[in-house]
Amino acid sequence: MTHTTTLARARGLDGTTLKLIALGLMLLDHIHYFFAFTGAVPGWFSMLGRLAAPLFLFCAVEGFVHTHSRPRYWLRLWAIAAPMGLLRFFMQYGGLFVRADGFYPQNGFLSNLVLLVPIWQGIDWLRQRRFARGAAAIVLPLAWPFVLIGLYGLARGDGGWLLETVVAAVGYSVLPCWNFIADGGLTYIVGGVLLYLFRRVRGAQLGVWAVWTFATEFVSVFLALRGSAGFALSQMFTIYYEWFSVAAVALMALYNGRRGAGCKRLFYWFYPAHISILYAVSFVLCA
């Protein structure tokens, strides 16, 4: 029985394979994201791309659980997310390298993970009955936007434009705020918490995450739009297709619990590299 179970698990998808699939789907999504203005990229690129972020999140949970050093795991994520967040700040507030049509990339996916890692650690501390440390690790990342808003208000009230700029830049990079993240934010973070809380029971883990995602990406959107002029249910399959991410559970269910080849550097550096290249090309084409 044990031998049969081992073979069954080996036939599934290891972590590296899942991340490679997610990487390919993300690339399709971003090709559409950066070049939709040309009218030459089909919309199904982004429809398939809805599966990428959930798969990366699922793999991040497994990576966090099995990493040899959680502080280094977090630091690697932060070292890439912080400069990207700072660049986005300069684009948004300074107009630096903004495309001729006013478009600039708002990708902040890694910032979600920068916030989730301490929350996941906080959950473990609570399980170990280290309540003060655990509560702080969970509450501080979630409460930080409200603290920053207060500091931003004080900066504006004092008329100190430099302090105001620094406070805003911090929220995008050094200490990212979940309400500044365009591709993710609080809904995605809650999804990451659910994946972590139920990770020991795969069926419950995927079921709870799927229900949460469908409720927030389909049900809530449909209820908000159903009274709008010109809205039809069919648009939930053609325009408002963020909920397609629920389909990622099919691939998550195939995970066999094995790490695979790793390819750590590829997954860390492909994200900023491909965004930079795609945006640079789109910048030239849009000039």
Protein backbone atom coordinates (compact mmCIF):
# COMPACT_ATOMS: atom_id res chain seq x y z
CA MET A 1 0.00 0.00 0.00
CA THR A 2 2.80 2.42 0.88
CA HIS A 3 4.61 1.64 -2.38
CA THR A 4 1.41 2.24 -4.38
CA THR A 5 0.80 5.54 -2.61
CA THR A 6 4.35 6.68 -3.29
CA LEU A 7 4.02 5.89 -7.00
CA ALA A 8 0.71 7.76 -7.16
CA ARG A 9 2.24 10.82 -5.58
CA ALA A 10 5.26 10.64 -7.87
CA ARG A 11 2.96 10.74 -10.90
CA GLY A 12 1.64 14.13 -9.88
CA LEU A 13 3.25 17.52 -10.37
CA ASP A 14 6.21 18.56 -8.23
CA GLY A 15 6.76 22.11 -7.03
CA THR A 16 9.13 23.05 -9.84
CA THR A 17 6.70 21.84 -12.50
CA LEU A 18 3.85 23.81 -10.91
CA LYS A 19 5.96 26.95 -10.86
CA LEU A 20 7.02 26.46 -14.49
CA ILE A 21 3.37 26.15 -15.50
CA ALA A 22 2.58 29.28 -13.48
CA LEU A 23 5.51 31.08 -15.09
CA GLY A 24 4.25 30.26 -18.58
CA LEU A 25 0.70 31.36 -17.73
CA MET A 26 2.04 34.57 -16.19
CA LEU A 27 4.01 35.31 -19.34
CA LEU A 28 0.87 34.94 -21.46
CA ASP A 29 -1.03 37.23 -19.10
CA HIS A 30 1.65 39.91 -19.17
CA ILE A 31 2.00 39.79 -22.95
CA HIS A 32 -1.68 40.71 -23.10
CA TYR A 33 -1.27 43.20 -20.25
CA PHE A 34 1.51 45.16 -21.96
CA PHE A 35 0.43 44.79 -25.59
CA ALA A 36 -3.37 44.85 -25.48
CA PHE A 37 -3.19 48.37 -26.93
CA THR A 38 -2.00 46.89 -30.22
CA GLY A 39 -5.19 44.87 -30.64
CA ALA A 40 -3.04 41.93 -31.75
CA VAL A 41 -3.03 39.87 -28.53
CA PRO A 42 -6.09 37.68 -27.85
CA GLY A 43 -7.95 38.10 -24.56
CA TRP A 44 -7.64 34.42 -23.71
CA PHE A 45 -3.97 35.07 -22.89
CA SER A 46 -5.12 36.88 -19.75
CA MET A 47 -7.95 34.42 -19.11
CA LEU A 48 -5.42 31.60 -18.85
CA GLY A 49 -3.14 33.93 -16.93
CA ARG A 50 -5.68 34.12 -14.08
CA LEU A 51 -4.30 30.77 -12.88
CA ALA A 52 -0.74 32.03 -12.45
CA ALA A 53 -0.99 34.07 -9.25
CA PRO A 54 -2.87 31.34 -7.29
CA LEU A 55 -0.32 28.74 -8.36
CA PHE A 56 2.58 30.93 -7.27
CA LEU A 57 0.79 31.55 -3.97
CA PHE A 58 0.27 27.84 -3.43
CA CYS A 59 3.94 27.17 -4.18
CA ALA A 60 4.97 30.02 -1.87
CA VAL A 61 3.11 28.34 1.00
CA GLU A 62 5.02 25.12 0.36
CA GLY A 63 8.29 27.02 -0.04
CA PHE A 64 7.79 28.81 3.26
CA VAL A 65 7.04 25.55 5.07
CA HIS A 66 10.09 23.75 3.73
CA THR A 67 12.69 26.54 3.51
CA HIS A 68 15.84 26.16 5.60
CA SER A 69 15.74 29.83 6.64
CA ARG A 70 12.51 31.77 6.82
CA PRO A 71 14.26 35.13 7.34
CA ARG A 72 16.30 34.58 4.16
CA TYR A 73 13.19 33.44 2.31
CA TRP A 74 11.47 36.70 3.22
CA LEU A 75 14.56 38.79 2.47
CA ARG A 76 14.87 37.38 -1.06
CA LEU A 77 11.26 38.33 -1.77
CA TRP A 78 11.68 41.79 -0.27
CA ALA A 79 14.93 42.47 -2.16
CA ILE A 80 13.04 42.15 -5.46
CA ALA A 81 9.69 43.61 -4.41
CA ALA A 82 11.09 46.79 -2.81
CA PRO A 83 12.92 48.17 -5.89
CA MET A 84 9.95 47.30 -8.11
CA GLY A 85 7.64 49.11 -5.71
CA LEU A 86 9.89 52.14 -5.66
CA LEU A 87 10.01 52.23 -9.46
CA ARG A 88 6.24 52.08 -9.58
CA PHE A 89 6.11 55.00 -7.13
CA PHE A 90 8.31 57.14 -9.39
CA MET A 91 6.21 56.20 -12.41
CA GLN A 92 2.92 57.00 -10.69
CA TYR A 93 3.92 60.20 -8.90
CA GLY A 94 6.81 61.43 -11.00
CA GLY A 95 5.76 60.33 -14.48
CA LEU A 96 9.11 58.57 -14.95
CA PHE A 97 9.18 56.28 -18.02
CA VAL A 98 5.41 56.38 -18.36
CA ARG A 99 4.22 55.21 -21.77
CA ALA A 100 2.87 57.73 -24.28
CA ASP A 101 -0.70 56.52 -23.64
CA GLY A 102 -0.27 57.09 -19.88
CA PHE A 103 0.15 53.39 -19.08
CA TYR A 104 2.70 52.12 -16.55
CA PRO A 105 3.02 48.67 -14.94
CA GLN A 106 1.36 48.25 -11.56
CA ASN A 107 2.57 44.72 -10.88
CA GLY A 108 3.10 44.26 -7.18
CA PHE A 109 2.64 40.51 -6.85
CA LEU A 110 5.75 39.94 -4.74
CA SER A 111 4.64 42.63 -2.27
CA ASN A 112 1.76 40.31 -1.35
CA LEU A 113 4.26 37.63 -0.36
CA VAL A 114 6.39 40.13 1.57
CA LEU A 115 3.33 40.75 3.75
CA LEU A 116 2.19 37.13 3.90
CA VAL A 117 5.44 35.59 5.15
CA PRO A 118 5.36 37.37 8.55
CA ILE A 119 1.63 36.57 8.83
CA TRP A 120 2.32 32.88 8.20
CA GLN A 121 5.08 33.00 10.80
CA GLY A 122 2.69 34.68 13.20
CA ILE A 123 0.20 31.83 12.73
CA ASP A 124 2.93 29.35 13.67
CA TRP A 125 3.84 31.39 16.74
CA LEU A 126 0.21 31.38 17.86
CA ARG A 127 0.14 27.61 17.45
CA GLN A 128 3.23 27.49 19.67
CA ARG A 129 1.35 29.63 22.26
CA ARG A 130 3.71 32.57 21.71
CA PHE A 131 0.71 34.87 21.64
CA ALA A 132 2.26 38.34 21.84
CA ARG A 133 4.79 37.67 19.09
CA GLY A 134 2.25 35.86 16.93
CA ALA A 135 -0.38 38.59 17.23
CA ALA A 136 2.17 41.28 16.39
CA ALA A 137 3.37 39.41 13.29
CA ILE A 138 -0.21 39.12 12.02
CA VAL A 139 -1.64 42.48 13.03
CA LEU A 140 1.23 44.80 12.07
CA PRO A 141 1.30 44.00 8.31
CA LEU A 142 -2.49 44.37 8.17
CA ALA A 143 -2.61 47.56 10.25
CA TRP A 144 0.36 49.25 8.56
CA PRO A 145 -1.72 51.03 5.84
CA PHE A 146 -3.77 52.79 8.51
CA VAL A 147 -0.61 53.90 10.31
CA LEU A 148 0.84 55.15 7.03
CA ILE A 149 -2.35 57.04 6.20
CA GLY A 150 -2.04 58.82 9.54
CA LEU A 151 1.60 59.69 8.87
CA TYR A 152 0.73 60.82 5.35
CA GLY A 153 -2.00 63.07 6.74
CA LEU A 154 0.44 64.64 9.21
CA ALA A 155 2.96 65.20 6.43
CA ARG A 156 0.37 66.94 4.26
CA GLY A 157 -0.84 69.00 7.20
CA ASP A 158 2.66 70.25 7.92
CA GLY A 159 3.13 71.15 4.27
CA GLY A 160 6.33 69.15 4.12
CA TRP A 161 6.36 67.86 0.54
CA LEU A 162 9.60 65.97 1.10
CA LEU A 163 8.23 64.12 4.12
CA GLU A 164 5.00 63.48 2.23
CA THR A 165 6.92 61.98 -0.68
CA VAL A 166 9.07 59.80 1.59
CA VAL A 167 6.05 58.47 3.47
CA ALA A 168 4.28 57.57 0.21
CA ALA A 169 7.43 55.93 -1.22
CA VAL A 170 7.81 53.79 1.90
CA GLY A 171 4.30 52.44 1.41
CA TYR A 172 5.17 51.26 -2.06
CA SER A 173 8.55 49.74 -1.38
CA VAL A 174 10.32 49.56 1.99
CA LEU A 175 7.23 48.57 3.98
CA PRO A 176 4.57 47.79 1.35
CA CYS A 177 0.90 48.43 2.08
CA TRP A 178 -1.69 45.91 0.96
CA ASN A 179 -4.02 48.72 -0.17
CA PHE A 180 -1.32 49.95 -2.60
CA ILE A 181 -1.07 46.58 -4.38
CA ALA A 182 -3.00 46.58 -7.66
CA ASP A 183 -2.64 42.86 -8.46
CA GLY A 184 -3.56 41.32 -5.14
CA GLY A 185 -4.14 43.22 -1.95
CA LEU A 186 -6.27 42.16 1.01
CA THR A 187 -8.39 39.60 -0.87
CA TYR A 188 -5.28 37.82 -2.12
CA ILE A 189 -3.65 37.97 1.31
CA VAL A 190 -6.69 36.41 2.96
CA GLY A 191 -6.55 33.68 0.32
CA GLY A 192 -2.91 33.08 1.22
CA VAL A 193 -3.81 32.82 4.91
CA LEU A 194 -6.51 30.24 4.12
CA LEU A 195 -4.10 28.16 2.03
CA TYR A 196 -1.67 28.16 4.95
CA LEU A 197 -4.20 27.45 7.70
CA PHE A 198 -5.60 24.38 5.92
CA ARG A 199 -2.44 23.12 4.22
CA ARG A 200 -2.33 19.88 6.24
CA VAL A 201 -5.65 18.72 4.75
CA ARG A 202 -5.42 19.16 1.00
CA GLY A 203 -9.11 18.75 0.23
CA ALA A 204 -10.13 21.33 2.84
CA GLN A 205 -7.32 23.64 1.78
CA LEU A 206 -8.34 23.76 -1.86
CA GLY A 207 -12.06 23.77 -1.11
CA VAL A 208 -11.92 26.70 1.29
CA TRP A 209 -9.64 28.68 -1.01
CA ALA A 210 -11.90 28.02 -4.02
CA VAL A 211 -15.02 29.12 -2.13
CA TRP A 212 -13.30 32.31 -0.93
CA THR A 213 -12.02 33.15 -4.41
CA PHE A 214 -15.35 32.48 -6.11
CA ALA A 215 -17.19 34.54 -3.49
CA THR A 216 -14.88 37.54 -3.81
CA GLU A 217 -14.14 37.41 -7.55
CA PHE A 218 -17.48 36.24 -8.95
CA VAL A 219 -20.33 36.64 -6.47
CA SER A 220 -19.32 40.05 -5.11
CA VAL A 221 -18.55 41.41 -8.60
CA PHE A 222 -21.84 40.09 -10.01
CA LEU A 223 -23.85 41.58 -7.14
CA ALA A 224 -22.12 44.94 -7.60
CA LEU A 225 -22.75 45.03 -11.36
CA ARG A 226 -26.11 43.33 -11.82
CA GLY A 227 -28.06 46.57 -11.61
CA SER A 228 -25.79 48.45 -13.97
CA ALA A 229 -27.10 49.53 -17.37
CA GLY A 230 -25.97 47.20 -20.13
CA PHE A 231 -24.64 44.51 -17.80
CA ALA A 232 -25.32 40.88 -18.71
CA LEU A 233 -24.36 37.64 -16.98
CA SER A 234 -22.36 36.64 -20.07
CA GLN A 235 -19.90 39.45 -19.28
CA MET A 236 -18.74 37.46 -16.27
CA PHE A 237 -17.14 35.13 -18.83
CA THR A 238 -15.80 37.73 -21.24
CA ILE A 239 -14.90 40.90 -19.32
CA TYR A 240 -15.00 40.24 -15.58
CA TYR A 241 -13.08 36.98 -15.67
CA GLU A 242 -10.84 37.37 -12.61
CA TRP A 243 -12.78 34.52 -11.03
CA PHE A 244 -11.27 32.11 -13.59
CA SER A 245 -8.46 31.81 -11.03
CA VAL A 246 -10.64 29.25 -9.22
CA ALA A 247 -9.61 26.74 -11.90
CA ALA A 248 -6.09 26.72 -10.42
CA VAL A 249 -7.32 24.19 -7.84
CA ALA A 250 -7.22 21.52 -10.55
CA LEU A 251 -3.45 21.93 -10.84
CA MET A 252 -2.95 22.42 -7.10
CA ALA A 253 -4.68 19.07 -6.54
CA LEU A 254 -2.03 17.37 -8.69
CA TYR A 255 0.82 18.50 -6.43
CA ASN A 256 2.71 15.44 -5.24
CA GLY A 257 4.50 17.07 -2.31
CA ARG A 258 7.93 17.00 -3.92
CA ARG A 259 10.15 20.01 -4.50
CA GLY A 260 11.46 19.06 -7.94
CA ALA A 261 14.61 20.45 -9.53
CA GLY A 262 14.33 23.79 -7.75
CA CYS A 263 15.50 26.41 -10.28
CA LYS A 264 15.38 28.98 -7.46
CA ARG A 265 17.20 31.78 -9.30
CA LEU A 266 14.99 31.43 -12.35
CA PHE A 267 11.79 31.98 -10.39
CA TYR A 268 13.13 34.90 -8.38
CA TRP A 269 14.62 36.85 -11.27
CA PHE A 270 12.30 35.99 -14.14
CA TYR A 271 9.54 38.14 -12.63
CA PRO A 272 11.32 41.53 -12.65
CA ALA A 273 13.30 40.66 -15.80
CA HIS A 274 10.36 39.78 -18.02
CA ILE A 275 8.29 42.73 -16.81
CA SER A 276 11.16 45.10 -17.59
CA ILE A 277 11.69 43.66 -21.07
CA LEU A 278 8.01 43.52 -22.01
CA TYR A 279 7.37 47.03 -20.77
CA ALA A 280 10.45 48.41 -22.55
CA VAL A 281 9.29 46.90 -25.85
CA SER A 282 5.74 48.21 -25.35
CA PHE A 283 7.17 51.64 -24.46
CA VAL A 284 8.99 51.79 -27.81
CA LEU A 285 6.00 50.52 -29.80
CA CYS A 286 3.70 53.04 -28.15
CA ALA A 287 6.00 56.03 -28.73
